[in-house]
Amino acid sequence: MAKLLNNRWFLFIVISLTWGSSFILVKKSLLGFSPYEIGAIRVAISGLLLGFIGLPAIFKMPRKTLFWVIVAGFFGNFLPMFLFPIAQQKVSSSLAGILDALFPMFVLAFGFLFFGIKSRWSQVLGAVIGFLGAASLIYFSEVNTDSSQFWYAMIVVLAGASYGINALVIKEKIPNLSSIKLTAAVFTFWAIPSLVILFFTDLFQNFEWTPERTEAMSYLGFLSIFGTAVAMSLYYKLIQNTTPVFASSVSYVLPIVAVIWGVLDGEKFTFWYLIGAVLIAIGIYLIREKKINPYLPPPK
């Protein structure tokens, strides 16, 4: 098992399948919970489950390391957990999955802007093609018929940008912190504001175990444990063992999984979805690293 957990392609496939399924799970969770309840519950459950590792890790961290752990957690473990359910009130799970594939472009752009990471011309071209694919997808999809839906689609794009910052902070600022300690620490810290948010929702005051909420809770529980805590730990390990751009290449498979689930659930998949997805995939292909050492030692 240890060998598998250090195999970049095993991690890549598991993360892609898990996160690709998260969009349909968010959609199903919205049938019984508000977007703010979904986001807060995901983070709070993960924090409570991992607290026995997270609390000791937090107290042992140097202040500078802890600062970057908190920053990484905000952009990768806290903010997107609220953005996706907010967006998916108006945006289909298929479209959300395709648009989320943009985040390697943000890794490239933010890497240059904030960390001085230089890119090849082919990578810049890939980023341009990817963003054109997203623009055409949004313009020709159903979200363009309603200005409010357009802005909900842009929330998904914002979530992708947030993941881009998260990947760069992990690789550039805290590359030697073990993935399980990193995951546990960020969820433990951000579980506190999540519980505060839950207190101000109607979850505790007016909660009723209706059949809809019971079913939604099963989806949300699976999403919180496997789609959040477990998958995020594997993702952090993948970033540390390879590079942020390679790790973000889960975007190749993630939209395919999201679309399959969406179609099975009765969502429309139009020709423009295909065109936009293909352009984004071409962009991701162009920005990939040409050479990656698959035998990099795992973090201690």
Protein backbone atom coordinates (compact mmCIF):
# COMPACT_ATOMS: atom_id res chain seq x y z
CA MET A 1 0.00 0.00 0.00
CA ALA A 2 2.88 2.36 0.82
CA LYS A 3 4.24 1.83 -2.70
CA LEU A 4 0.88 2.75 -4.21
CA LEU A 5 0.66 5.91 -2.11
CA ASN A 6 4.02 7.00 -3.50
CA ASN A 7 3.03 6.21 -7.08
CA ARG A 8 2.08 9.46 -8.81
CA TRP A 9 -0.25 7.77 -11.32
CA PHE A 10 -2.16 5.90 -8.62
CA LEU A 11 -2.66 9.15 -6.74
CA PHE A 12 -3.58 10.92 -9.98
CA ILE A 13 -6.34 8.42 -10.87
CA VAL A 14 -7.82 8.19 -7.37
CA ILE A 15 -7.95 11.98 -6.98
CA SER A 16 -9.44 12.47 -10.44
CA LEU A 17 -12.22 9.93 -9.85
CA THR A 18 -12.98 11.22 -6.36
CA TRP A 19 -13.03 14.91 -7.21
CA GLY A 20 -14.78 14.28 -10.50
CA SER A 21 -17.62 12.73 -8.52
CA SER A 22 -17.76 15.60 -6.03
CA PHE A 23 -19.83 17.85 -8.32
CA ILE A 24 -22.76 15.45 -8.48
CA LEU A 25 -22.47 14.89 -4.71
CA VAL A 26 -22.66 18.65 -4.13
CA LYS A 27 -25.73 18.80 -6.39
CA LYS A 28 -27.44 16.03 -4.41
CA SER A 29 -26.47 17.61 -1.09
CA LEU A 30 -28.15 20.88 -2.14
CA LEU A 31 -31.51 19.06 -2.05
CA GLY A 32 -31.37 19.09 1.75
CA PHE A 33 -28.85 21.74 2.78
CA SER A 34 -27.93 25.33 1.97
CA PRO A 35 -24.60 26.09 0.24
CA TYR A 36 -23.19 27.53 3.47
CA GLU A 37 -24.22 24.46 5.45
CA ILE A 38 -22.59 22.17 2.88
CA GLY A 39 -19.31 24.08 2.90
CA ALA A 40 -19.17 24.38 6.67
CA ILE A 41 -20.13 20.74 7.28
CA ARG A 42 -17.47 19.48 4.84
CA VAL A 43 -14.70 21.41 6.56
CA ALA A 44 -15.98 20.82 10.10
CA ILE A 45 -16.34 17.04 9.68
CA SER A 46 -12.87 16.78 8.15
CA GLY A 47 -11.40 18.92 10.93
CA LEU A 48 -13.05 16.87 13.67
CA LEU A 49 -11.91 13.59 12.10
CA LEU A 50 -8.32 14.79 11.70
CA GLY A 51 -8.05 16.89 14.84
CA PHE A 52 -6.07 14.27 16.77
CA ILE A 53 -3.30 14.69 14.17
CA GLY A 54 -3.90 18.34 13.35
CA LEU A 55 -3.73 19.84 16.86
CA PRO A 56 -0.31 18.39 17.79
CA ALA A 57 0.99 19.31 14.32
CA ILE A 58 -0.20 22.92 14.69
CA PHE A 59 1.42 23.36 18.15
CA LYS A 60 4.75 21.98 16.90
CA MET A 61 4.93 24.14 13.76
CA PRO A 62 7.15 27.23 13.53
CA ARG A 63 5.11 30.41 13.16
CA LYS A 64 6.18 30.97 9.57
CA THR A 65 5.19 27.44 8.56
CA LEU A 66 1.87 27.75 10.36
CA PHE A 67 1.15 31.02 8.54
CA TRP A 68 1.60 29.39 5.14
CA VAL A 69 -0.40 26.34 6.22
CA ILE A 70 -3.31 28.64 7.15
CA VAL A 71 -3.02 30.51 3.82
CA ALA A 72 -2.92 27.24 1.87
CA GLY A 73 -5.90 25.97 3.84
CA PHE A 74 -7.97 29.05 3.13
CA PHE A 75 -7.49 28.84 -0.64
CA GLY A 76 -7.61 25.06 -0.96
CA ASN A 77 -9.69 23.72 1.93
CA PHE A 78 -12.03 26.48 3.05
CA LEU A 79 -13.06 28.98 0.37
CA PRO A 80 -13.74 26.50 -2.50
CA MET A 81 -15.94 24.36 -0.22
CA PHE A 82 -18.41 27.26 -0.16
CA LEU A 83 -17.91 28.53 -3.72
CA PHE A 84 -18.90 25.29 -5.45
CA PRO A 85 -22.28 24.75 -3.72
CA ILE A 86 -23.08 28.46 -4.13
CA ALA A 87 -22.34 28.21 -7.87
CA GLN A 88 -24.14 24.91 -8.35
CA GLN A 89 -27.42 26.46 -7.33
CA LYS A 90 -27.51 27.74 -10.93
CA VAL A 91 -24.75 25.84 -12.73
CA SER A 92 -25.03 22.16 -13.68
CA SER A 93 -22.57 19.68 -12.18
CA SER A 94 -21.24 18.91 -15.69
CA LEU A 95 -20.48 22.56 -16.45
CA ALA A 96 -18.95 23.08 -13.00
CA GLY A 97 -16.66 20.09 -13.56
CA ILE A 98 -15.49 21.37 -16.94
CA LEU A 99 -14.85 24.92 -15.70
CA ASP A 100 -12.96 23.65 -12.68
CA ALA A 101 -10.46 22.16 -15.14
CA LEU A 102 -9.10 25.69 -15.62
CA PHE A 103 -7.05 25.64 -12.45
CA PRO A 104 -3.76 24.50 -14.08
CA MET A 105 -3.93 27.75 -16.08
CA PHE A 106 -4.13 29.67 -12.82
CA VAL A 107 -1.16 27.71 -11.44
CA LEU A 108 0.81 28.87 -14.47
CA ALA A 109 -0.35 32.50 -14.30
CA PHE A 110 0.01 32.94 -10.54
CA GLY A 111 3.33 31.08 -10.56
CA PHE A 112 4.72 33.74 -12.88
CA LEU A 113 3.04 36.72 -11.18
CA PHE A 114 3.71 35.87 -7.52
CA PHE A 115 6.62 33.43 -7.50
CA GLY A 116 8.60 34.40 -10.59
CA ILE A 117 8.25 30.93 -12.14
CA LYS A 118 9.06 31.28 -15.83
CA SER A 119 7.01 29.46 -18.45
CA ARG A 120 7.63 28.22 -21.96
CA TRP A 121 5.82 29.91 -24.85
CA SER A 122 3.90 26.69 -25.43
CA GLN A 123 2.61 26.89 -21.85
CA VAL A 124 1.49 30.50 -22.33
CA LEU A 125 -0.26 29.46 -25.55
CA GLY A 126 -1.90 26.60 -23.65
CA ALA A 127 -3.20 28.99 -21.01
CA VAL A 128 -4.67 31.28 -23.69
CA ILE A 129 -6.36 28.35 -25.46
CA GLY A 130 -7.72 27.05 -22.17
CA PHE A 131 -9.24 30.39 -21.22
CA LEU A 132 -10.72 30.74 -24.72
CA GLY A 133 -12.31 27.33 -24.25
CA ALA A 134 -13.83 28.43 -20.96
CA ALA A 135 -15.06 31.69 -22.49
CA SER A 136 -16.75 29.88 -25.40
CA LEU A 137 -18.22 27.33 -23.03
CA ILE A 138 -19.77 30.01 -20.85
CA TYR A 139 -20.91 32.13 -23.80
CA PHE A 140 -22.67 29.33 -25.66
CA SER A 141 -24.03 27.45 -22.65
CA GLU A 142 -27.28 28.03 -20.84
CA VAL A 143 -25.64 30.37 -18.31
CA ASN A 144 -25.39 33.09 -20.97
CA THR A 145 -29.19 33.33 -21.16
CA ASP A 146 -29.34 34.75 -17.65
CA SER A 147 -26.89 37.32 -16.32
CA SER A 148 -27.16 35.91 -12.79
CA GLN A 149 -26.26 32.43 -14.06
CA PHE A 150 -23.22 33.90 -15.77
CA TRP A 151 -21.90 35.20 -12.46
CA TYR A 152 -22.57 31.85 -10.82
CA ALA A 153 -20.38 30.27 -13.52
CA MET A 154 -17.68 32.80 -12.72
CA ILE A 155 -17.78 31.63 -9.09
CA VAL A 156 -16.59 28.22 -10.35
CA VAL A 157 -13.75 29.98 -12.18
CA LEU A 158 -12.89 31.81 -8.94
CA ALA A 159 -12.73 28.46 -7.15
CA GLY A 160 -10.26 27.23 -9.78
CA ALA A 161 -8.12 30.31 -9.19
CA SER A 162 -8.23 29.60 -5.47
CA TYR A 163 -6.96 26.05 -6.03
CA GLY A 164 -4.16 27.47 -8.18
CA ILE A 165 -2.90 29.66 -5.33
CA ASN A 166 -3.19 26.74 -2.93
CA ALA A 167 -1.02 24.45 -5.09
CA LEU A 168 1.72 27.06 -5.45
CA VAL A 169 1.82 27.92 -1.74
CA ILE A 170 2.20 24.23 -0.84
CA LYS A 171 5.00 23.60 -3.31
CA GLU A 172 6.89 26.86 -2.83
CA LYS A 173 6.41 27.58 0.87
CA ILE A 174 5.79 24.27 2.70
CA PRO A 175 7.23 21.51 0.48
CA ASN A 176 8.68 19.38 3.30
CA LEU A 177 5.64 19.08 5.56
CA SER A 178 4.11 15.59 5.31
CA SER A 179 0.81 15.48 3.44
CA ILE A 180 -1.19 13.97 6.31
CA LYS A 181 0.07 16.57 8.82
CA LEU A 182 -0.61 19.35 6.32
CA THR A 183 -4.14 18.13 5.60
CA ALA A 184 -4.93 17.57 9.27
CA ALA A 185 -3.56 20.97 10.29
CA VAL A 186 -5.47 23.00 7.71
CA PHE A 187 -8.78 21.25 8.35
CA THR A 188 -8.34 21.44 12.12
CA PHE A 189 -7.69 25.19 11.95
CA TRP A 190 -10.48 26.00 9.47
CA ALA A 191 -12.98 23.76 11.27
CA ILE A 192 -13.30 26.49 13.90
CA PRO A 193 -14.66 29.26 11.60
CA SER A 194 -16.76 26.57 9.86
CA LEU A 195 -18.46 25.68 13.14
CA VAL A 196 -19.09 29.39 13.74
CA ILE A 197 -20.73 29.66 10.31
CA LEU A 198 -22.87 26.58 11.09
CA PHE A 199 -24.04 28.21 14.33
CA PHE A 200 -25.47 31.16 12.36
CA THR A 201 -27.31 28.95 9.87
CA ASP A 202 -30.65 27.25 10.52
CA LEU A 203 -29.05 23.83 10.81
CA PHE A 204 -29.29 23.52 14.59
CA GLN A 205 -32.32 25.75 15.23
CA ASN A 206 -34.77 24.34 12.68
CA PHE A 207 -33.30 20.99 11.72
CA GLU A 208 -35.76 18.26 10.76
CA TRP A 209 -34.93 14.72 9.64
CA THR A 210 -37.01 14.69 6.49
CA PRO A 211 -36.46 11.93 3.88
CA GLU A 212 -34.84 14.54 1.60
CA ARG A 213 -32.40 15.64 4.28
CA THR A 214 -31.59 12.06 5.24
CA GLU A 215 -30.67 11.25 1.63
CA ALA A 216 -28.76 14.53 1.24
CA MET A 217 -26.85 13.82 4.45
CA SER A 218 -25.62 10.49 3.08
CA TYR A 219 -24.23 12.26 0.00
CA LEU A 220 -22.73 15.02 2.12
CA GLY A 221 -21.13 12.57 4.54
CA PHE A 222 -19.44 10.67 1.71
CA LEU A 223 -18.37 13.96 0.14
CA SER A 224 -16.91 15.25 3.43
CA ILE A 225 -14.90 12.13 4.27
CA PHE A 226 -13.69 10.87 0.90
CA GLY A 227 -14.08 13.89 -1.40
CA THR A 228 -12.59 16.32 1.12
CA ALA A 229 -10.37 14.86 3.85
CA VAL A 230 -9.00 11.76 2.08
CA ALA A 231 -8.73 13.22 -1.43
CA MET A 232 -7.12 16.44 -0.21
CA SER A 233 -4.47 14.49 1.71
CA LEU A 234 -3.64 12.49 -1.43
CA TYR A 235 -3.60 15.68 -3.52
CA TYR A 236 -1.13 17.39 -1.19
CA LYS A 237 1.07 14.29 -1.34
CA LEU A 238 0.92 14.39 -5.16
CA ILE A 239 1.94 18.07 -5.21
CA GLN A 240 4.87 17.45 -2.91
CA ASN A 241 6.05 14.35 -4.81
CA THR A 242 5.78 16.00 -8.24
CA THR A 243 4.93 19.63 -9.13
CA PRO A 244 1.86 21.89 -8.82
CA VAL A 245 1.26 21.84 -12.59
CA PHE A 246 1.45 18.04 -12.81
CA ALA A 247 -0.85 17.67 -9.79
CA SER A 248 -3.30 20.14 -11.30
CA SER A 249 -3.39 17.94 -14.42
CA VAL A 250 -6.07 15.86 -12.70
CA SER A 251 -8.13 18.34 -14.70
CA TYR A 252 -7.76 15.98 -17.69
CA VAL A 253 -9.91 13.29 -16.08
CA LEU A 254 -11.97 15.28 -13.58
CA PRO A 255 -14.35 16.87 -16.17
CA ILE A 256 -14.94 13.51 -17.87
CA VAL A 257 -16.04 11.96 -14.59
CA ALA A 258 -18.21 15.00 -13.78
CA VAL A 259 -19.89 14.93 -17.19
CA ILE A 260 -20.59 11.19 -17.00
CA TRP A 261 -22.30 11.63 -13.64
CA GLY A 262 -24.21 14.68 -14.94
CA VAL A 263 -25.49 12.86 -18.03
CA LEU A 264 -26.54 9.85 -15.92
CA ASP A 265 -28.47 12.29 -13.74
CA GLY A 266 -30.30 13.74 -16.75
CA GLU A 267 -28.26 16.89 -17.39
CA LYS A 268 -27.87 18.22 -20.92
CA PHE A 269 -24.52 17.86 -22.66
CA THR A 270 -24.36 20.06 -25.76
CA PHE A 271 -21.92 20.37 -28.65
CA TRP A 272 -20.49 23.53 -27.08
CA TYR A 273 -19.71 21.66 -23.89
CA LEU A 274 -17.58 19.32 -26.00
CA ILE A 275 -15.82 22.17 -27.86
CA GLY A 276 -15.06 24.07 -24.64
CA ALA A 277 -13.85 20.91 -22.89
CA VAL A 278 -11.57 19.99 -25.81
CA LEU A 279 -10.01 23.48 -25.89
CA ILE A 280 -9.40 23.36 -22.14
CA ALA A 281 -7.85 19.88 -22.47
CA ILE A 282 -5.53 21.14 -25.25
CA GLY A 283 -4.53 24.03 -23.00
CA ILE A 284 -3.74 21.68 -20.11
CA TYR A 285 -1.73 19.45 -22.45
CA LEU A 286 0.40 22.38 -23.63
CA ILE A 287 1.19 23.63 -20.13
CA ARG A 288 2.22 20.23 -18.77
CA GLU A 289 5.83 19.55 -17.79
CA LYS A 290 7.74 17.60 -20.38
CA LYS A 291 9.92 15.77 -17.89
CA ILE A 292 8.97 14.75 -14.38
CA ASN A 293 10.99 12.42 -12.20
CA PRO A 294 8.51 9.75 -11.00
CA TYR A 295 10.94 8.54 -8.36
CA LEU A 296 11.16 11.69 -6.25
CA PRO A 297 11.44 10.69 -2.56
CA PRO A 298 8.32 11.26 -0.47
CA PRO A 299 8.40 14.07 2.13
CA LYS A 300 9.56 13.04 5.56
